[in-house]
Amino acid sequence: MKIDHIHFFVEDAAQTRDWLIQKMGFQSGGQRVDEHTCTELVGSGTVLFRVSSARSESSPVANYLASHPAGVANIAFLVDDLELWAEKIARLDINIIEEYDLSIDNTEQLTIQGWGDFQHTLVTNASNPILAPIELEQDYQNPIVDIDHVVLNVGQHQLAAATDWYQSLFDFQVQQSFNIQTGSSGLYSQALVDATGQIQFNINEPSSPNSQIQTFLDVNGGAGIQHVALRTANIFQTVTEMRSQDLAFLPIPQSYYTNLKSRSRQAHNFSLQHQEWQDLEKSEILLDWPENNASDLLMQIFTQPIFAQPTFFFEIIERRGQVQGFGEGNFLALFQAIEQEELKKVHAD
């Protein structure tokens, strides 16, 4: 099993398509239009986004946007045997929204109700047209190579139930658990992974009413996807290119790098080169490593929210060596950075 595509519901599909192409270097994979909905395909390599907007009040996009801001409405998984999955879904009494739809991609698919208003589609045969070779303008190669993980925010005291739901249906297992607390708020999180290690699915819940996770839930109208992490083989090149297209990232305080350098001096076999240190700090990229092997590096950076409401954002991530999971130090730094941005908005208002 792996992620087949991620489906955004937005006000203007063409506008979001253009933003993904101009700011993040993706390519257009075509357009599908019916009586009620317009869908743009955007992607690169194994990454496919479907971006839909409503053409009529009867569109499922219109129904979704009546209760939620623009964002991810569905994450689709590629599976082997749809009939076996349908039998399991029936045993678990999960609501089926759309059964065995033979789409124009010549793929069978089954859409089910996920957590809250969020949905999942199970697909047989890859529906990703961007997997086929396409001619890239000016020989440009997007450095994004895959979807690394996705993050779902759920309501307070719902983390255990949501984790059980994903374990029961998809056989996900808990890879890491986090208890992140700052001076003013916090979150609890479970990092889940499927049996093949190809899908990493994280779930957050707020640990206090003033948590930034709770802010997301309030603005989003309930549970939803907070961010999608895109893996790159060269985070420095990727971030430089995206910044050159005026893509805005979350700022990281200088104190983070002061503490990081102090920690690195105690690390054995630390592998980041001097120039990379400079690039890391200049680009405001987060860095973490396992205590027993500082040559395995995890580097991450997070965009500002990409839609009008402060909900969904992207993460760019590079994994070096055999590093797995998610660095707790990076998790805390991200949480604090989002809190600082929220405080700025409050003071500005």
Protein backbone atom coordinates (compact mmCIF):
# COMPACT_ATOMS: atom_id res chain seq x y z
CA MET A 1 0.00 0.00 0.00
CA LYS A 2 1.17 3.53 -0.76
CA ILE A 3 -0.26 7.00 -1.24
CA ASP A 4 -1.77 7.30 -4.72
CA HIS A 5 -2.77 10.97 -4.63
CA ILE A 6 -3.80 13.82 -2.34
CA HIS A 7 -7.01 15.67 -3.16
CA PHE A 8 -7.44 19.37 -2.36
CA PHE A 9 -10.83 21.11 -2.33
CA VAL A 10 -10.36 24.81 -3.08
CA GLU A 11 -12.23 27.89 -4.25
CA ASP A 12 -10.34 28.17 -7.56
CA ALA A 13 -8.60 25.05 -8.90
CA ALA A 14 -6.77 26.88 -11.70
CA GLN A 15 -5.38 29.45 -9.28
CA THR A 16 -4.08 26.76 -6.90
CA ARG A 17 -2.65 24.81 -9.87
CA ASP A 18 -0.72 27.89 -10.97
CA TRP A 19 0.54 28.50 -7.42
CA LEU A 20 1.86 24.91 -7.12
CA ILE A 21 3.60 25.22 -10.49
CA GLN A 22 5.07 28.70 -9.96
CA LYS A 23 6.05 28.45 -6.28
CA MET A 24 6.96 24.77 -5.94
CA GLY A 25 8.02 23.72 -9.41
CA PHE A 26 5.35 21.09 -10.09
CA GLN A 27 4.00 20.31 -13.55
CA SER A 28 0.45 20.30 -14.89
CA GLY A 29 -0.94 16.85 -15.64
CA GLY A 30 -4.14 17.96 -17.30
CA GLN A 31 -7.69 18.88 -16.37
CA ARG A 32 -10.95 17.01 -15.82
CA VAL A 33 -14.25 18.87 -15.94
CA ASP A 34 -17.79 17.61 -15.42
CA GLU A 35 -21.09 19.34 -14.84
CA HIS A 36 -20.38 20.10 -11.18
CA THR A 37 -16.60 20.04 -10.59
CA CYS A 38 -13.33 21.15 -12.20
CA THR A 39 -10.23 19.16 -11.25
CA GLU A 40 -6.63 20.06 -12.07
CA LEU A 41 -3.88 17.43 -11.91
CA VAL A 42 -0.53 18.68 -10.66
CA GLY A 43 2.55 16.69 -9.74
CA SER A 44 6.04 15.42 -10.31
CA GLY A 45 7.49 11.94 -10.22
CA THR A 46 5.43 9.85 -7.80
CA VAL A 47 3.67 12.89 -6.29
CA LEU A 48 0.18 13.65 -7.57
CA PHE A 49 -2.19 16.34 -6.33
CA ARG A 50 -5.78 16.59 -7.48
CA VAL A 51 -7.09 20.11 -7.02
CA SER A 52 -10.84 20.56 -7.36
CA SER A 53 -13.21 23.52 -7.26
CA ALA A 54 -16.99 23.64 -7.63
CA ARG A 55 -18.84 24.56 -10.82
CA SER A 56 -22.25 24.23 -9.18
CA GLU A 57 -23.82 24.00 -5.75
CA SER A 58 -24.23 20.26 -6.31
CA SER A 59 -20.47 19.69 -6.34
CA PRO A 60 -19.04 17.79 -3.35
CA VAL A 61 -16.46 20.58 -3.23
CA ALA A 62 -19.18 23.18 -2.58
CA ASN A 63 -20.60 21.01 0.19
CA TYR A 64 -17.16 20.63 1.81
CA LEU A 65 -16.26 24.32 1.57
CA ALA A 66 -19.55 25.28 3.21
CA SER A 67 -18.10 23.91 6.48
CA HIS A 68 -14.34 24.05 6.01
CA PRO A 69 -11.70 26.31 4.46
CA ALA A 70 -9.67 25.18 1.45
CA GLY A 71 -7.42 22.23 2.17
CA VAL A 72 -6.94 18.49 1.85
CA ALA A 73 -10.29 16.68 1.73
CA ASN A 74 -9.10 13.21 0.75
CA ILE A 75 -5.95 11.09 0.80
CA ALA A 76 -6.09 8.15 -1.63
CA PHE A 77 -4.18 4.91 -1.10
CA LEU A 78 -3.10 2.46 -3.80
CA VAL A 79 -4.15 -1.09 -2.82
CA ASP A 80 -3.98 -4.55 -4.40
CA ASP A 81 -7.39 -6.15 -3.91
CA LEU A 82 -10.34 -3.78 -3.61
CA GLU A 83 -12.84 -6.56 -2.87
CA LEU A 84 -10.89 -7.70 0.18
CA TRP A 85 -10.74 -4.12 1.40
CA ALA A 86 -14.48 -3.72 0.86
CA GLU A 87 -15.11 -6.81 3.00
CA LYS A 88 -12.91 -5.42 5.79
CA ILE A 89 -14.60 -2.02 5.61
CA ALA A 90 -18.00 -3.72 5.93
CA ARG A 91 -16.84 -5.73 8.99
CA LEU A 92 -15.64 -2.52 10.65
CA ASP A 93 -18.95 -0.78 9.80
CA ILE A 94 -17.18 2.13 8.09
CA ASN A 95 -19.37 4.36 5.93
CA ILE A 96 -18.85 3.86 2.19
CA ILE A 97 -19.45 7.08 0.25
CA GLU A 98 -18.82 5.84 -3.28
CA GLU A 99 -18.50 2.21 -4.37
CA TYR A 100 -16.41 0.73 -7.15
CA ASP A 101 -16.38 3.75 -9.36
CA LEU A 102 -14.67 2.88 -12.63
CA SER A 103 -13.10 6.24 -13.33
CA ILE A 104 -11.85 7.56 -16.66
CA ASP A 105 -8.35 6.56 -15.49
CA ASN A 106 -9.54 2.95 -15.90
CA THR A 107 -9.05 2.43 -12.16
CA GLU A 108 -11.51 1.00 -9.67
CA GLN A 109 -11.88 2.96 -6.47
CA LEU A 110 -13.79 2.98 -3.23
CA THR A 111 -14.26 6.15 -1.15
CA ILE A 112 -14.91 5.88 2.58
CA GLN A 113 -15.57 8.28 5.42
CA GLY A 114 -12.39 8.96 7.36
CA TRP A 115 -12.00 10.86 10.59
CA GLY A 116 -14.53 13.71 10.83
CA ASP A 117 -15.37 15.07 7.37
CA PHE A 118 -12.08 13.80 5.98
CA GLN A 119 -12.21 10.98 3.40
CA HIS A 120 -10.02 8.22 1.99
CA THR A 121 -10.20 6.67 -1.46
CA LEU A 122 -8.80 3.18 -2.06
CA VAL A 123 -7.55 2.78 -5.62
CA THR A 124 -6.51 -0.23 -7.69
CA ASN A 125 -4.03 0.49 -10.50
CA ALA A 126 -2.08 3.72 -10.14
CA SER A 127 -4.20 6.69 -11.18
CA ASN A 128 -1.14 8.91 -11.44
CA PRO A 129 -0.69 10.17 -15.01
CA ILE A 130 2.44 12.05 -13.94
CA LEU A 131 4.22 8.72 -13.47
CA ALA A 132 4.41 8.61 -17.26
CA PRO A 133 7.30 10.59 -18.76
CA ILE A 134 6.36 14.18 -19.57
CA GLU A 135 8.38 16.84 -21.27
CA LEU A 136 9.61 19.32 -18.69
CA GLU A 137 10.14 22.93 -19.62
CA GLN A 138 13.80 24.00 -19.90
CA ASP A 139 14.94 20.52 -18.76
CA TYR A 140 13.87 21.44 -15.22
CA GLN A 141 13.84 18.53 -12.78
CA ASN A 142 11.77 19.07 -9.67
CA PRO A 143 13.89 17.98 -6.67
CA ILE A 144 10.78 16.68 -4.85
CA VAL A 145 10.96 12.89 -5.04
CA ASP A 146 8.07 11.58 -2.92
CA ILE A 147 5.50 12.20 -0.21
CA ASP A 148 7.28 11.55 3.08
CA HIS A 149 4.33 11.78 5.49
CA VAL A 150 1.03 13.49 6.21
CA VAL A 151 -0.28 14.92 9.49
CA LEU A 152 -3.87 14.81 10.72
CA ASN A 153 -5.06 17.07 13.57
CA VAL A 154 -7.91 15.74 15.71
CA GLY A 155 -9.83 17.13 18.66
CA GLN A 156 -8.72 17.01 22.28
CA HIS A 157 -8.99 13.51 23.81
CA GLN A 158 -9.54 11.99 20.33
CA LEU A 159 -5.96 10.86 19.65
CA ALA A 160 -6.38 7.34 21.08
CA ALA A 161 -9.64 6.73 19.21
CA ALA A 162 -8.25 8.08 15.92
CA THR A 163 -5.09 5.97 16.30
CA ASP A 164 -7.20 2.86 16.96
CA TRP A 165 -9.31 3.61 13.87
CA TYR A 166 -6.28 3.77 11.57
CA GLN A 167 -4.73 0.71 13.18
CA SER A 168 -7.93 -1.30 12.79
CA LEU A 169 -8.50 -0.39 9.14
CA PHE A 170 -5.01 -0.02 7.69
CA ASP A 171 -2.95 -2.03 10.21
CA PHE A 172 -0.81 1.04 10.89
CA GLN A 173 1.60 0.69 13.81
CA VAL A 174 2.85 3.35 16.23
CA GLN A 175 6.39 4.34 15.28
CA GLN A 176 6.90 7.23 17.73
CA SER A 177 4.93 9.06 20.41
CA PHE A 178 5.40 12.73 21.30
CA ASN A 179 4.41 14.87 24.25
CA ILE A 180 5.39 18.40 23.22
CA GLN A 181 4.88 21.17 25.78
CA THR A 182 5.89 24.83 25.66
CA GLY A 183 5.43 27.44 28.33
CA SER A 184 1.91 28.16 27.17
CA SER A 185 0.48 25.11 25.36
CA GLY A 186 1.27 21.74 23.85
CA LEU A 187 0.25 18.65 21.89
CA TYR A 188 0.25 14.89 22.00
CA SER A 189 1.14 13.00 18.83
CA GLN A 190 1.37 9.50 17.45
CA ALA A 191 3.52 8.77 14.39
CA LEU A 192 2.04 5.77 12.54
CA VAL A 193 3.56 3.67 9.77
CA ASP A 194 2.18 0.91 7.55
CA ALA A 195 3.70 -2.57 7.33
CA THR A 196 5.76 -1.71 4.23
CA GLY A 197 7.12 1.53 5.69
CA GLN A 198 5.90 3.44 2.61
CA ILE A 199 3.13 5.35 4.41
CA GLN A 200 3.85 7.53 7.43
CA PHE A 201 0.69 9.00 8.91
CA ASN A 202 0.93 11.21 11.99
CA ILE A 203 -1.96 12.26 14.25
CA ASN A 204 -1.89 15.26 16.62
CA GLU A 205 -4.28 16.36 19.34
CA PRO A 206 -4.10 19.53 21.48
CA SER A 207 -3.13 19.12 25.12
CA SER A 208 -4.63 22.47 26.13
CA PRO A 209 -7.41 24.78 24.89
CA ASN A 210 -4.86 27.40 23.75
CA SER A 211 -2.73 24.94 21.74
CA GLN A 212 -1.99 25.87 18.12
CA ILE A 213 -3.52 22.49 17.24
CA GLN A 214 -6.76 23.74 18.78
CA THR A 215 -6.43 26.95 16.74
CA PHE A 216 -6.20 24.83 13.60
CA LEU A 217 -9.31 22.84 14.63
CA ASP A 218 -11.26 26.02 15.34
CA VAL A 219 -10.38 27.62 12.00
CA ASN A 220 -10.72 24.38 10.03
CA GLY A 221 -14.13 23.54 11.45
CA GLY A 222 -12.90 20.30 12.99
CA ALA A 223 -10.33 17.61 12.27
CA GLY A 224 -8.26 17.85 9.11
CA ILE A 225 -4.88 17.53 7.44
CA GLN A 226 -2.45 20.06 8.89
CA HIS A 227 0.40 19.46 6.47
CA VAL A 228 1.93 17.22 3.82
CA ALA A 229 5.68 16.56 3.92
CA LEU A 230 7.47 16.34 0.57
CA ARG A 231 10.79 14.52 0.46
CA THR A 232 13.76 15.91 -1.43
CA ALA A 233 17.26 14.61 -2.11
CA ASN A 234 18.76 18.10 -1.63
CA ILE A 235 16.90 20.37 0.76
CA PHE A 236 19.32 23.27 0.30
CA GLN A 237 18.80 23.37 -3.47
CA THR A 238 15.05 22.87 -3.09
CA VAL A 239 14.58 25.66 -0.57
CA THR A 240 16.79 28.04 -2.54
CA GLU A 241 14.74 27.46 -5.67
CA MET A 242 11.43 27.86 -3.86
CA ARG A 243 12.55 31.02 -2.08
CA SER A 244 13.56 32.44 -5.46
CA GLN A 245 9.89 32.03 -6.44
CA ASP A 246 8.86 34.00 -3.31
CA LEU A 247 7.59 30.98 -1.38
CA ALA A 248 7.39 32.00 2.29
CA PHE A 249 8.62 29.69 5.07
CA LEU A 250 8.10 29.77 8.82
CA PRO A 251 10.88 31.78 10.51
CA ILE A 252 13.03 29.99 13.09
CA PRO A 253 14.55 31.95 16.04
CA GLN A 254 18.32 32.39 16.14
CA SER A 255 18.43 30.74 19.55
CA TYR A 256 17.52 27.45 17.88
CA TYR A 257 20.81 27.41 15.93
CA THR A 258 22.86 28.47 18.96
CA ASN A 259 21.49 25.50 20.89
CA LEU A 260 21.91 23.22 17.88
CA LYS A 261 25.61 24.05 17.48
CA SER A 262 26.18 23.37 21.15
CA ARG A 263 24.51 19.99 20.83
CA SER A 264 26.49 19.11 17.69
CA ARG A 265 29.80 19.61 19.50
CA GLN A 266 28.86 16.73 21.80
CA ALA A 267 27.83 14.45 18.91
CA HIS A 268 29.93 11.55 17.69
CA ASN A 269 30.49 11.20 13.94
CA PHE A 270 28.58 14.39 13.09
CA SER A 271 28.52 14.66 9.30
CA LEU A 272 27.23 18.13 8.36
CA GLN A 273 29.87 20.13 6.51
CA HIS A 274 30.80 23.74 7.35
CA GLN A 275 29.18 25.20 4.22
CA GLU A 276 26.04 23.20 4.93
CA TRP A 277 25.95 24.64 8.45
CA GLN A 278 25.94 28.11 6.93
CA ASP A 279 23.25 27.16 4.41
CA LEU A 280 21.17 25.53 7.15
CA GLU A 281 21.12 28.67 9.27
CA LYS A 282 20.68 31.02 6.32
CA SER A 283 17.74 29.02 5.00
CA GLU A 284 16.22 28.50 8.48
CA ILE A 285 16.14 24.73 8.10
CA LEU A 286 15.67 22.50 11.16
CA LEU A 287 18.13 19.70 11.87
CA ASP A 288 18.01 16.64 14.13
CA TRP A 289 19.76 13.29 14.46
CA PRO A 290 19.53 10.15 16.62
CA GLU A 291 21.70 10.25 19.71
CA ASN A 292 23.57 7.09 18.71
CA ASN A 293 24.46 8.15 15.16
CA ALA A 294 24.98 11.79 14.18
CA SER A 295 25.72 10.83 10.57
CA ASP A 296 22.00 10.08 10.07
CA LEU A 297 20.49 13.53 9.59
CA LEU A 298 16.89 14.72 9.45
CA MET A 299 16.41 18.19 7.92
CA GLN A 300 13.03 19.92 7.69
CA ILE A 301 11.49 23.27 6.82
CA PHE A 302 7.85 24.40 6.78
CA THR A 303 6.04 26.84 4.53
CA GLN A 304 3.65 29.47 5.73
CA PRO A 305 -0.02 28.40 5.34
CA ILE A 306 -0.72 28.36 1.59
CA PHE A 307 -4.42 29.26 1.64
CA ALA A 308 -6.31 32.27 2.98
CA GLN A 309 -6.92 30.66 6.38
CA PRO A 310 -3.99 29.70 8.67
CA THR A 311 -4.49 25.95 8.38
CA PHE A 312 -2.71 23.83 5.75
CA PHE A 313 1.01 24.12 4.95
CA PHE A 314 3.75 22.06 3.29
CA GLU A 315 6.90 20.60 4.79
CA ILE A 316 10.10 19.96 2.83
CA ILE A 317 12.20 17.16 4.30
CA GLU A 318 15.51 15.46 3.56
CA ARG A 319 16.59 12.22 5.23
CA ARG A 320 20.28 11.26 5.16
CA GLY A 321 21.63 7.84 6.01
CA GLN A 322 19.17 5.51 7.70
CA VAL A 323 17.33 8.12 9.74
CA GLN A 324 13.72 7.23 10.43
CA GLY A 325 10.86 8.85 12.29
CA PHE A 326 10.68 12.48 13.33
CA GLY A 327 13.10 14.43 15.51
CA GLU A 328 11.52 15.57 18.76
CA GLY A 329 13.71 18.67 18.77
CA ASN A 330 12.41 19.63 15.32
CA PHE A 331 8.85 18.91 16.42
CA LEU A 332 9.17 21.31 19.35
CA ALA A 333 10.83 23.99 17.20
CA LEU A 334 8.01 23.76 14.64
CA PHE A 335 5.39 24.00 17.36
CA GLN A 336 7.05 27.09 18.84
CA ALA A 337 7.46 28.72 15.41
CA ILE A 338 3.76 28.28 14.61
CA GLU A 339 2.83 29.71 18.01
CA GLN A 340 5.01 32.76 17.38
CA GLU A 341 3.36 33.35 14.00
CA GLU A 342 -0.10 33.07 15.59
CA LEU A 343 0.89 35.63 18.23
CA LYS A 344 2.01 38.03 15.49
CA LYS A 345 -1.40 37.72 13.82
CA VAL A 346 -3.19 38.36 17.13
CA HIS A 347 -1.11 41.47 17.83
CA ALA A 348 -1.57 42.69 14.25
CA ASP A 349 -5.35 42.42 14.62
